[in-house]
Amino acid sequence: DDLLFVLDLIRDIRKRICVDNKRIYAVGISNGAMLTWSMAQDPKIAPRLAGIAPMIGTPHPDYLQGKPTAKALPSIGFYGDRDNVIPPGNYQESRVMDTAFGGYYWIPAHRLHTQWARDHGCSTPNPNARAPFVYRSGNQQGISVQCRTFCQGNKPMSVDCRLSMGHETPAFMLTMAIEFFEKHSPRRNRNAVTTQ
């Protein structure tokens, strides 16, 4: 059971080292991104997280359950527009099929982020349209990056980033995720150390 493993891992790490419990983030790549979404939707793990950053991966269609707790859980996802392993899909699809392995269906990234934005109180008047607000746009290492959201202001965000690439994970994605967590996760005294 992967989710039980993650719970045990968090408990074990807390016993061994000092952990700021308000700054535990989940980042996953490909299948790990699927696990990241599962952790965010799990009522036992989600309350322990301060944010998630799935990269080039979305879950299968039966895994869109939404946010399990009232706690804010910001998310930023990174998806390659040319990814044929776990394609992010477009803004109208309810599911998308890969072309690399021929037959696996995935939830389009837009559907995940629309649901997450709605769960966090952001307005989603047209969930079949691209999110209206640009969170970040530009080029990184020759890759075009376009990040959009339904959320305005400093709300816990759900950001859908599309990159002009395939099933790849350039290092700048992790840097962007950390910057996002610093901006949108709960604030506290950065010099304090918490253990439990």
N, C-alpha and C. Protein backbone atom coordinates (compact mmCIF):
# COMPACT_ATOMS: atom_id res chain seq x y z
N ASP A 1 0.86 -1.18 0.00
CA ASP A 1 0.00 0.00 0.00
C ASP A 1 0.90 1.24 0.00
N ASP A 2 0.94 1.95 -1.13
CA ASP A 2 1.82 3.11 -1.27
C ASP A 2 1.48 4.22 -0.29
N LEU A 3 0.19 4.46 -0.06
CA LEU A 3 -0.20 5.55 0.84
C LEU A 3 0.20 5.25 2.28
N LEU A 4 0.06 4.00 2.70
CA LEU A 4 0.49 3.61 4.04
C LEU A 4 2.01 3.76 4.16
N PHE A 5 2.73 3.40 3.11
CA PHE A 5 4.18 3.57 3.10
C PHE A 5 4.55 5.04 3.32
N VAL A 6 3.85 5.95 2.63
CA VAL A 6 4.15 7.38 2.77
C VAL A 6 3.88 7.84 4.20
N LEU A 7 2.76 7.41 4.79
CA LEU A 7 2.47 7.77 6.19
C LEU A 7 3.56 7.27 7.12
N ASP A 8 3.96 6.02 6.93
CA ASP A 8 5.04 5.46 7.77
C ASP A 8 6.35 6.20 7.56
N LEU A 9 6.63 6.59 6.33
CA LEU A 9 7.85 7.33 6.02
C LEU A 9 7.86 8.68 6.73
N ILE A 10 6.75 9.40 6.68
CA ILE A 10 6.66 10.70 7.37
C ILE A 10 6.89 10.53 8.86
N ARG A 11 6.24 9.53 9.45
CA ARG A 11 6.41 9.27 10.90
C ARG A 11 7.86 8.93 11.24
N ASP A 12 8.48 8.08 10.42
CA ASP A 12 9.86 7.67 10.67
C ASP A 12 10.82 8.84 10.56
N ILE A 13 10.66 9.67 9.55
CA ILE A 13 11.54 10.83 9.39
C ILE A 13 11.38 11.78 10.57
N ARG A 14 10.15 11.98 11.02
CA ARG A 14 9.91 12.87 12.17
C ARG A 14 10.62 12.37 13.43
N LYS A 15 10.76 11.06 13.57
CA LYS A 15 11.45 10.50 14.74
C LYS A 15 12.96 10.73 14.67
N ARG A 16 13.51 10.79 13.46
CA ARG A 16 14.95 10.82 13.26
C ARG A 16 15.54 12.23 13.15
N ILE A 17 14.77 13.16 12.58
CA ILE A 17 15.31 14.51 12.39
C ILE A 17 14.24 15.55 12.72
N CYS A 18 14.66 16.79 12.90
CA CYS A 18 13.73 17.89 13.13
C CYS A 18 13.00 18.21 11.82
N VAL A 19 11.69 18.28 11.89
CA VAL A 19 10.87 18.53 10.71
C VAL A 19 9.93 19.68 10.99
N ASP A 20 9.86 20.63 10.07
CA ASP A 20 8.86 21.68 10.15
C ASP A 20 7.58 21.09 9.55
N ASN A 21 6.66 20.71 10.41
CA ASN A 21 5.45 20.01 9.96
C ASN A 21 4.56 20.85 9.06
N LYS A 22 4.77 22.16 9.04
CA LYS A 22 3.97 23.02 8.16
C LYS A 22 4.61 23.22 6.80
N ARG A 23 5.72 22.51 6.56
CA ARG A 23 6.41 22.66 5.27
C ARG A 23 6.77 21.30 4.68
N ILE A 24 5.83 20.38 4.73
CA ILE A 24 6.02 19.06 4.10
C ILE A 24 5.30 19.10 2.75
N TYR A 25 6.05 18.89 1.68
CA TYR A 25 5.51 18.98 0.33
C TYR A 25 5.66 17.64 -0.37
N ALA A 26 4.76 17.37 -1.30
CA ALA A 26 4.84 16.16 -2.11
C ALA A 26 5.13 16.56 -3.55
N VAL A 27 6.20 16.01 -4.10
CA VAL A 27 6.59 16.23 -5.49
C VAL A 27 6.80 14.87 -6.11
N GLY A 28 6.19 14.65 -7.27
CA GLY A 28 6.34 13.36 -7.93
C GLY A 28 6.47 13.52 -9.43
N ILE A 29 7.21 12.61 -10.05
CA ILE A 29 7.43 12.64 -11.49
C ILE A 29 6.83 11.39 -12.12
N SER A 30 6.02 11.56 -13.17
CA SER A 30 5.40 10.48 -13.93
C SER A 30 4.50 9.64 -13.01
N ASN A 31 4.83 8.37 -12.76
CA ASN A 31 4.02 7.58 -11.82
C ASN A 31 4.02 8.22 -10.44
N GLY A 32 5.12 8.87 -10.07
CA GLY A 32 5.18 9.58 -8.80
C GLY A 32 4.20 10.75 -8.76
N ALA A 33 3.93 11.36 -9.91
CA ALA A 33 2.93 12.42 -9.97
C ALA A 33 1.54 11.86 -9.69
N MET A 34 1.29 10.66 -10.19
CA MET A 34 0.01 9.99 -9.88
C MET A 34 -0.12 9.76 -8.38
N LEU A 35 0.98 9.31 -7.76
CA LEU A 35 0.98 9.09 -6.32
C LEU A 35 0.79 10.42 -5.58
N THR A 36 1.39 11.49 -6.09
CA THR A 36 1.24 12.81 -5.48
C THR A 36 -0.23 13.21 -5.44
N TRP A 37 -0.95 13.02 -6.56
CA TRP A 37 -2.40 13.33 -6.58
C TRP A 37 -3.14 12.43 -5.60
N SER A 38 -2.76 11.16 -5.51
CA SER A 38 -3.42 10.24 -4.55
C SER A 38 -3.19 10.70 -3.12
N MET A 39 -1.98 11.14 -2.79
CA MET A 39 -1.69 11.63 -1.44
C MET A 39 -2.53 12.87 -1.13
N ALA A 40 -2.66 13.76 -2.11
CA ALA A 40 -3.42 15.00 -1.91
C ALA A 40 -4.91 14.73 -1.67
N GLN A 41 -5.40 13.61 -2.19
CA GLN A 41 -6.82 13.27 -2.05
C GLN A 41 -7.08 12.29 -0.91
N ASP A 42 -6.03 11.89 -0.20
CA ASP A 42 -6.19 10.93 0.89
C ASP A 42 -6.44 11.67 2.21
N PRO A 43 -7.52 11.33 2.94
CA PRO A 43 -7.84 12.07 4.17
C PRO A 43 -6.81 11.90 5.29
N LYS A 44 -5.94 10.90 5.22
CA LYS A 44 -4.91 10.72 6.26
C LYS A 44 -3.62 11.47 5.93
N ILE A 45 -3.28 11.53 4.65
CA ILE A 45 -2.03 12.16 4.24
C ILE A 45 -2.21 13.65 3.95
N ALA A 46 -3.28 14.03 3.28
CA ALA A 46 -3.47 15.43 2.86
C ALA A 46 -3.32 16.43 4.00
N PRO A 47 -3.85 16.17 5.21
CA PRO A 47 -3.68 17.15 6.28
C PRO A 47 -2.23 17.36 6.71
N ARG A 48 -1.34 16.45 6.37
CA ARG A 48 0.07 16.56 6.73
C ARG A 48 0.89 17.32 5.69
N LEU A 49 0.28 17.61 4.54
CA LEU A 49 1.00 18.26 3.45
C LEU A 49 0.73 19.75 3.41
N ALA A 50 1.73 20.50 2.93
CA ALA A 50 1.59 21.95 2.77
C ALA A 50 1.43 22.34 1.30
N GLY A 51 1.63 21.41 0.39
CA GLY A 51 1.48 21.67 -1.04
C GLY A 51 1.92 20.48 -1.85
N ILE A 52 1.48 20.45 -3.12
CA ILE A 52 1.87 19.35 -4.02
C ILE A 52 2.35 19.92 -5.35
N ALA A 53 3.23 19.15 -6.00
CA ALA A 53 3.74 19.52 -7.33
C ALA A 53 3.89 18.25 -8.18
N PRO A 54 2.79 17.79 -8.79
CA PRO A 54 2.92 16.65 -9.71
C PRO A 54 3.58 17.11 -11.02
N MET A 55 4.47 16.27 -11.55
CA MET A 55 5.20 16.61 -12.77
C MET A 55 5.02 15.49 -13.79
N ILE A 56 4.60 15.87 -14.97
CA ILE A 56 4.37 14.99 -16.13
C ILE A 56 3.63 13.71 -15.76
N GLY A 57 2.53 13.85 -15.04
CA GLY A 57 1.72 12.69 -14.71
C GLY A 57 0.38 13.07 -14.11
N THR A 58 -0.66 12.39 -14.56
CA THR A 58 -2.00 12.55 -14.00
C THR A 58 -2.55 11.16 -13.71
N PRO A 59 -3.52 11.05 -12.82
CA PRO A 59 -4.06 9.73 -12.48
C PRO A 59 -5.03 9.20 -13.53
N HIS A 60 -5.42 7.96 -13.35
CA HIS A 60 -6.43 7.33 -14.20
C HIS A 60 -7.80 7.95 -13.90
N PRO A 61 -8.77 7.82 -14.81
CA PRO A 61 -10.06 8.52 -14.68
C PRO A 61 -10.83 8.30 -13.38
N ASP A 62 -10.67 7.20 -12.70
CA ASP A 62 -11.47 6.96 -11.49
C ASP A 62 -10.82 7.55 -10.24
N TYR A 63 -9.80 8.38 -10.39
CA TYR A 63 -9.10 8.94 -9.23
C TYR A 63 -9.36 10.42 -9.00
N LEU A 64 -10.40 10.98 -9.59
CA LEU A 64 -10.72 12.40 -9.39
C LEU A 64 -11.73 12.51 -8.25
N GLN A 65 -11.20 12.57 -7.02
CA GLN A 65 -12.06 12.61 -5.85
C GLN A 65 -12.14 13.99 -5.24
N GLY A 66 -11.21 14.85 -5.51
CA GLY A 66 -11.22 16.19 -4.93
C GLY A 66 -10.51 16.25 -3.59
N LYS A 67 -10.55 17.42 -3.01
CA LYS A 67 -9.84 17.71 -1.75
C LYS A 67 -10.58 17.06 -0.58
N PRO A 68 -9.91 16.26 0.27
CA PRO A 68 -10.61 15.52 1.32
C PRO A 68 -10.82 16.27 2.63
N THR A 69 -10.13 17.40 2.82
CA THR A 69 -10.22 18.13 4.09
C THR A 69 -10.45 19.62 3.82
N ALA A 70 -10.78 20.35 4.87
CA ALA A 70 -10.98 21.79 4.74
C ALA A 70 -9.66 22.54 4.63
N LYS A 71 -8.55 21.88 4.99
CA LYS A 71 -7.23 22.52 4.95
C LYS A 71 -6.85 22.89 3.51
N ALA A 72 -6.29 24.08 3.36
CA ALA A 72 -5.81 24.52 2.06
C ALA A 72 -4.61 23.67 1.64
N LEU A 73 -4.58 23.27 0.39
CA LEU A 73 -3.47 22.49 -0.13
C LEU A 73 -3.14 22.97 -1.54
N PRO A 74 -2.25 23.96 -1.65
CA PRO A 74 -1.91 24.51 -2.96
C PRO A 74 -1.27 23.46 -3.87
N SER A 75 -1.55 23.58 -5.17
CA SER A 75 -0.97 22.64 -6.13
C SER A 75 -0.46 23.39 -7.35
N ILE A 76 0.67 22.93 -7.84
CA ILE A 76 1.20 23.39 -9.12
C ILE A 76 1.63 22.15 -9.88
N GLY A 77 1.10 22.00 -11.08
CA GLY A 77 1.41 20.82 -11.89
C GLY A 77 2.14 21.22 -13.16
N PHE A 78 3.03 20.35 -13.62
CA PHE A 78 3.84 20.61 -14.81
C PHE A 78 3.58 19.49 -15.82
N TYR A 79 3.21 19.87 -17.06
CA TYR A 79 2.81 18.88 -18.06
C TYR A 79 3.39 19.27 -19.42
N GLY A 80 3.96 18.28 -20.12
CA GLY A 80 4.52 18.52 -21.43
C GLY A 80 3.45 18.46 -22.50
N ASP A 81 3.32 19.53 -23.28
CA ASP A 81 2.32 19.57 -24.36
C ASP A 81 2.52 18.47 -25.39
N ARG A 82 3.76 17.99 -25.54
CA ARG A 82 4.04 16.94 -26.53
C ARG A 82 4.24 15.58 -25.86
N ASP A 83 3.80 15.43 -24.64
CA ASP A 83 3.94 14.17 -23.88
C ASP A 83 2.98 13.14 -24.45
N ASN A 84 3.52 12.03 -24.99
CA ASN A 84 2.65 10.96 -25.50
C ASN A 84 2.60 9.78 -24.54
N VAL A 85 3.32 9.86 -23.41
CA VAL A 85 3.29 8.79 -22.39
C VAL A 85 2.11 9.02 -21.45
N ILE A 86 2.03 10.21 -20.88
CA ILE A 86 0.88 10.62 -20.06
C ILE A 86 0.47 12.00 -20.57
N PRO A 87 -0.28 12.04 -21.67
CA PRO A 87 -0.63 13.32 -22.27
C PRO A 87 -1.52 14.16 -21.35
N PRO A 88 -1.27 15.47 -21.30
CA PRO A 88 -2.07 16.31 -20.41
C PRO A 88 -3.47 16.59 -20.93
N GLY A 89 -3.72 16.36 -22.20
CA GLY A 89 -5.04 16.61 -22.77
C GLY A 89 -5.29 18.08 -23.03
N ASN A 90 -6.50 18.35 -23.55
CA ASN A 90 -6.86 19.75 -23.80
C ASN A 90 -7.92 20.19 -22.79
N TYR A 91 -8.63 21.24 -23.09
CA TYR A 91 -9.53 21.83 -22.10
C TYR A 91 -10.96 21.31 -22.21
N GLN A 92 -11.28 20.52 -23.22
CA GLN A 92 -12.64 20.00 -23.36
C GLN A 92 -12.76 18.51 -23.04
N GLU A 93 -11.67 17.80 -23.03
CA GLU A 93 -11.71 16.35 -22.85
C GLU A 93 -12.02 15.95 -21.41
N SER A 94 -12.74 14.86 -21.25
CA SER A 94 -12.98 14.31 -19.91
C SER A 94 -11.98 13.21 -19.59
N ARG A 95 -11.34 12.68 -20.60
CA ARG A 95 -10.25 11.71 -20.42
C ARG A 95 -9.39 11.75 -21.68
N VAL A 96 -8.16 11.29 -21.54
CA VAL A 96 -7.23 11.32 -22.67
C VAL A 96 -6.47 9.99 -22.69
N MET A 97 -6.14 9.51 -23.90
CA MET A 97 -5.45 8.22 -24.03
C MET A 97 -4.02 8.47 -24.51
N ASP A 98 -3.08 7.69 -23.98
CA ASP A 98 -1.70 7.83 -24.41
C ASP A 98 -1.52 7.24 -25.80
N THR A 99 -0.46 7.67 -26.49
CA THR A 99 -0.13 7.09 -27.79
C THR A 99 1.19 6.32 -27.72
N ALA A 100 1.86 6.35 -26.59
CA ALA A 100 3.13 5.64 -26.45
C ALA A 100 2.90 4.16 -26.16
N PHE A 101 1.92 3.86 -25.34
CA PHE A 101 1.69 2.46 -24.94
C PHE A 101 0.34 1.95 -25.42
N GLY A 102 -0.44 2.80 -26.07
CA GLY A 102 -1.67 2.41 -26.74
C GLY A 102 -2.79 1.88 -25.88
N GLY A 103 -3.40 2.71 -25.10
CA GLY A 103 -4.60 2.25 -24.45
C GLY A 103 -4.83 2.66 -23.02
N TYR A 104 -3.91 3.34 -22.38
CA TYR A 104 -4.15 3.80 -21.02
C TYR A 104 -4.87 5.15 -21.06
N TYR A 105 -5.88 5.28 -20.22
CA TYR A 105 -6.62 6.54 -20.14
C TYR A 105 -6.21 7.30 -18.89
N TRP A 106 -6.18 8.63 -19.01
CA TRP A 106 -5.75 9.52 -17.94
C TRP A 106 -6.75 10.64 -17.79
N ILE A 107 -6.78 11.25 -16.60
CA ILE A 107 -7.57 12.46 -16.39
C ILE A 107 -6.77 13.62 -16.98
N PRO A 108 -7.37 14.44 -17.83
CA PRO A 108 -6.64 15.60 -18.32
C PRO A 108 -6.22 16.53 -17.17
N ALA A 109 -5.04 17.07 -17.27
CA ALA A 109 -4.51 17.94 -16.22
C ALA A 109 -5.47 19.09 -15.92
N HIS A 110 -6.10 19.63 -16.95
CA HIS A 110 -7.03 20.74 -16.76
C HIS A 110 -8.19 20.35 -15.84
N ARG A 111 -8.70 19.15 -15.99
CA ARG A 111 -9.81 18.68 -15.13
C ARG A 111 -9.37 18.63 -13.67
N LEU A 112 -8.17 18.11 -13.42
CA LEU A 112 -7.66 18.04 -12.05
C LEU A 112 -7.54 19.43 -11.43
N HIS A 113 -6.94 20.36 -12.17
CA HIS A 113 -6.71 21.69 -11.62
C HIS A 113 -8.01 22.50 -11.50
N THR A 114 -8.97 22.25 -12.39
CA THR A 114 -10.26 22.91 -12.28
C THR A 114 -10.97 22.44 -11.01
N GLN A 115 -10.98 21.13 -10.76
CA GLN A 115 -11.60 20.58 -9.55
C GLN A 115 -10.90 21.11 -8.30
N TRP A 116 -9.57 21.14 -8.33
CA TRP A 116 -8.80 21.60 -7.17
C TRP A 116 -9.08 23.08 -6.90
N ALA A 117 -9.16 23.89 -7.96
CA ALA A 117 -9.48 25.31 -7.80
C ALA A 117 -10.87 25.48 -7.20
N ARG A 118 -11.83 24.73 -7.70
CA ARG A 118 -13.20 24.79 -7.18
C ARG A 118 -13.23 24.39 -5.71
N ASP A 119 -12.50 23.33 -5.36
CA ASP A 119 -12.44 22.87 -3.96
C ASP A 119 -11.83 23.92 -3.03
N HIS A 120 -11.03 24.83 -3.59
CA HIS A 120 -10.39 25.88 -2.79
C HIS A 120 -11.14 27.21 -2.87
N GLY A 121 -12.35 27.18 -3.40
CA GLY A 121 -13.17 28.38 -3.42
C GLY A 121 -12.91 29.34 -4.56
N CYS A 122 -12.18 28.90 -5.57
CA CYS A 122 -11.93 29.75 -6.72
C CYS A 122 -13.08 29.58 -7.72
N SER A 123 -13.41 30.64 -8.41
CA SER A 123 -14.51 30.62 -9.38
C SER A 123 -14.07 29.89 -10.65
N THR A 124 -14.89 28.93 -11.07
CA THR A 124 -14.62 28.19 -12.31
C THR A 124 -15.87 28.26 -13.19
N PRO A 125 -16.21 29.45 -13.71
CA PRO A 125 -17.47 29.61 -14.44
C PRO A 125 -17.56 28.77 -15.70
N ASN A 126 -16.44 28.53 -16.36
CA ASN A 126 -16.44 27.70 -17.56
C ASN A 126 -15.33 26.67 -17.44
N PRO A 127 -15.63 25.52 -16.83
CA PRO A 127 -14.57 24.53 -16.61
C PRO A 127 -14.05 23.88 -17.89
N ASN A 128 -14.71 24.12 -19.04
CA ASN A 128 -14.23 23.57 -20.31
C ASN A 128 -13.39 24.58 -21.08
N ALA A 129 -13.00 25.64 -20.43
CA ALA A 129 -12.15 26.65 -21.06
C ALA A 129 -10.83 26.74 -20.31
N ARG A 130 -9.84 27.23 -20.97
CA ARG A 130 -8.54 27.44 -20.34
C ARG A 130 -8.70 28.42 -19.18
N ALA A 131 -8.01 28.18 -18.09
CA ALA A 131 -8.09 29.06 -16.92
C ALA A 131 -7.73 30.48 -17.34
N PRO A 132 -8.45 31.49 -16.83
CA PRO A 132 -8.31 32.85 -17.35
C PRO A 132 -7.10 33.63 -16.88
N PHE A 133 -6.49 33.24 -15.76
CA PHE A 133 -5.43 34.07 -15.19
C PHE A 133 -4.05 33.45 -15.41
N VAL A 134 -3.13 34.26 -15.92
CA VAL A 134 -1.76 33.80 -16.13
C VAL A 134 -1.02 33.92 -14.80
N TYR A 135 -0.50 32.80 -14.32
CA TYR A 135 0.29 32.80 -13.10
C TYR A 135 1.76 33.09 -13.42
N ARG A 136 2.22 32.47 -14.50
CA ARG A 136 3.62 32.66 -14.92
C ARG A 136 3.72 32.30 -16.40
N SER A 137 4.54 33.03 -17.12
CA SER A 137 4.70 32.79 -18.54
C SER A 137 6.12 33.17 -18.93
N GLY A 138 6.69 32.44 -19.88
CA GLY A 138 8.04 32.78 -20.34
C GLY A 138 8.76 31.57 -20.89
N ASN A 139 10.07 31.66 -20.92
CA ASN A 139 10.92 30.58 -21.41
C ASN A 139 11.95 30.23 -20.35
N GLN A 140 12.19 28.94 -20.22
CA GLN A 140 13.22 28.42 -19.32
C GLN A 140 14.04 27.42 -20.12
N GLN A 141 15.32 27.66 -20.23
CA GLN A 141 16.23 26.74 -20.93
C GLN A 141 15.70 26.37 -22.31
N GLY A 142 15.12 27.35 -23.03
CA GLY A 142 14.61 27.12 -24.37
C GLY A 142 13.25 26.43 -24.42
N ILE A 143 12.60 26.25 -23.28
CA ILE A 143 11.29 25.61 -23.21
C ILE A 143 10.26 26.67 -22.85
N SER A 144 9.21 26.76 -23.66
CA SER A 144 8.13 27.70 -23.37
C SER A 144 7.32 27.18 -22.18
N VAL A 145 7.01 28.08 -21.23
CA VAL A 145 6.26 27.74 -20.03
C VAL A 145 5.06 28.67 -19.93
N GLN A 146 3.87 28.10 -19.80
CA GLN A 146 2.63 28.86 -19.65
C GLN A 146 1.85 28.27 -18.48
N CYS A 147 1.79 29.00 -17.36
CA CYS A 147 1.10 28.53 -16.16
C CYS A 147 -0.16 29.37 -15.96
N ARG A 148 -1.31 28.69 -15.81
CA ARG A 148 -2.59 29.38 -15.68
C ARG A 148 -3.35 28.87 -14.47
N THR A 149 -4.28 29.73 -13.98
CA THR A 149 -5.07 29.36 -12.81
C THR A 149 -6.45 30.02 -12.86
N PHE A 150 -7.40 29.43 -12.15
CA PHE A 150 -8.71 30.04 -11.94
C PHE A 150 -8.70 30.93 -10.71
N CYS A 151 -7.64 30.87 -9.91
CA CYS A 151 -7.59 31.55 -8.62
C CYS A 151 -6.90 32.90 -8.75
N GLN A 152 -7.45 33.92 -8.11
CA GLN A 152 -6.86 35.25 -8.11
C GLN A 152 -6.30 35.58 -6.75
N GLY A 153 -5.37 36.52 -6.70
CA GLY A 153 -4.84 36.98 -5.43
C GLY A 153 -3.94 35.95 -4.78
N ASN A 154 -3.96 35.92 -3.45
CA ASN A 154 -3.07 35.04 -2.70
C ASN A 154 -3.79 33.81 -2.15
N LYS A 155 -4.90 33.41 -2.79
CA LYS A 155 -5.60 32.20 -2.37
C LYS A 155 -4.69 31.00 -2.56
N PRO A 156 -4.96 29.91 -1.83
CA PRO A 156 -4.25 28.68 -2.16
C PRO A 156 -4.57 28.34 -3.61
N MET A 157 -3.57 28.25 -4.39
CA MET A 157 -3.76 28.14 -5.82
C MET A 157 -3.76 26.71 -6.34
N SER A 158 -4.33 26.58 -7.53
CA SER A 158 -4.20 25.38 -8.32
C SER A 158 -3.73 25.84 -9.69
N VAL A 159 -2.48 25.58 -9.99
CA VAL A 159 -1.85 26.10 -11.20
C VAL A 159 -1.50 24.97 -12.16
N ASP A 160 -1.94 25.13 -13.40
CA ASP A 160 -1.72 24.16 -14.48
C ASP A 160 -0.66 24.75 -15.40
N CYS A 161 0.57 24.19 -15.37
CA CYS A 161 1.67 24.68 -16.21
C CYS A 161 1.86 23.75 -17.40
N ARG A 162 1.84 24.33 -18.59
CA ARG A 162 2.09 23.58 -19.82
C ARG A 162 3.44 24.01 -20.37
N LEU A 163 4.23 23.00 -20.74
CA LEU A 163 5.58 23.25 -21.23
C LEU A 163 5.73 22.65 -22.62
N SER A 164 6.50 23.31 -23.49
CA SER A 164 6.70 22.84 -24.87
C SER A 164 7.75 21.73 -24.89
N MET A 165 7.34 20.55 -24.43
CA MET A 165 8.26 19.42 -24.33
C MET A 165 7.44 18.14 -24.28
N GLY A 166 8.13 17.01 -24.19
CA GLY A 166 7.48 15.72 -24.06
C GLY A 166 7.47 15.26 -22.62
N HIS A 167 7.75 13.99 -22.41
CA HIS A 167 7.74 13.37 -21.07
C HIS A 167 9.12 13.56 -20.45
N GLU A 168 9.41 14.81 -20.06
CA GLU A 168 10.73 15.19 -19.57
C GLU A 168 10.59 15.95 -18.27
N THR A 169 11.68 16.05 -17.52
CA THR A 169 11.65 16.80 -16.25
C THR A 169 12.89 17.67 -16.10
N PRO A 170 12.92 18.81 -16.78
CA PRO A 170 14.06 19.71 -16.59
C PRO A 170 14.10 20.22 -15.15
N ALA A 171 15.29 20.47 -14.65
CA ALA A 171 15.50 20.85 -13.25
C ALA A 171 14.76 22.12 -12.84
N PHE A 172 14.53 23.04 -13.77
CA PHE A 172 13.87 24.29 -13.39
C PHE A 172 12.46 24.07 -12.88
N MET A 173 11.83 22.95 -13.20
CA MET A 173 10.47 22.68 -12.70
C MET A 173 10.49 22.58 -11.17
N LEU A 174 11.49 21.94 -10.60
CA LEU A 174 11.59 21.84 -9.14
C LEU A 174 11.80 23.22 -8.52
N THR A 175 12.62 24.04 -9.15
CA THR A 175 12.83 25.41 -8.66
C THR A 175 11.52 26.18 -8.68
N MET A 176 10.75 26.06 -9.75
CA MET A 176 9.45 26.73 -9.83
C MET A 176 8.50 26.23 -8.75
N ALA A 177 8.53 24.92 -8.48
CA ALA A 177 7.66 24.35 -7.45
C ALA A 177 8.02 24.91 -6.07
N ILE A 178 9.30 24.99 -5.76
CA ILE A 178 9.74 25.52 -4.46
C ILE A 178 9.33 26.99 -4.32
N GLU A 179 9.51 27.77 -5.38
CA GLU A 179 9.08 29.17 -5.34
C GLU A 179 7.57 29.28 -5.10
N PHE A 180 6.80 28.41 -5.75
CA PHE A 180 5.35 28.38 -5.56
C PHE A 180 4.99 28.04 -4.12
N PHE A 181 5.65 27.02 -3.55
CA PHE A 181 5.38 26.62 -2.17
C PHE A 181 5.68 27.77 -1.21
N GLU A 182 6.80 28.45 -1.42
CA GLU A 182 7.17 29.56 -0.55
C GLU A 182 6.13 30.69 -0.60
N LYS A 183 5.53 30.88 -1.75
CA LYS A 183 4.56 31.96 -1.91
C LYS A 183 3.17 31.59 -1.41
N HIS A 184 2.77 30.34 -1.54
CA HIS A 184 1.36 29.97 -1.30
C HIS A 184 1.12 29.01 -0.15
N SER A 185 2.14 28.62 0.57
CA SER A 185 1.94 27.72 1.70
C SER A 185 1.77 28.52 2.98
N PRO A 186 1.27 27.90 4.05
CA PRO A 186 1.05 28.62 5.31
C PRO A 186 2.33 29.30 5.80
N ARG A 187 2.17 30.52 6.30
CA ARG A 187 3.31 31.28 6.81
C ARG A 187 3.58 30.94 8.27
N ARG A 188 4.83 31.03 8.64
CA ARG A 188 5.24 30.83 10.04
C ARG A 188 6.63 31.40 10.21
N ASN A 189 7.11 31.43 11.42
CA ASN A 189 8.45 31.90 11.73
C ASN A 189 9.46 30.95 11.06
N ARG A 190 10.17 31.44 10.08
CA ARG A 190 11.08 30.58 9.32
C ARG A 190 12.28 30.09 10.16
N ASN A 191 12.54 30.72 11.30
CA ASN A 191 13.66 30.31 12.14
C ASN A 191 13.25 29.25 13.17
N ALA A 192 11.95 29.02 13.32
CA ALA A 192 11.49 28.05 14.31
C ALA A 192 11.67 26.63 13.79
N VAL A 193 11.98 25.73 14.68
CA VAL A 193 12.11 24.32 14.34
C VAL A 193 11.06 23.57 15.16
N THR A 194 10.26 22.75 14.48
CA THR A 194 9.20 22.01 15.15
C THR A 194 9.47 20.53 15.06
N THR A 195 9.28 19.83 16.16
CA THR A 195 9.39 18.37 16.14
C THR A 195 8.17 17.79 16.84
N GLN A 196 7.81 16.60 16.42
CA GLN A 196 6.72 15.86 17.07
C GLN A 196 7.01 14.39 17.04
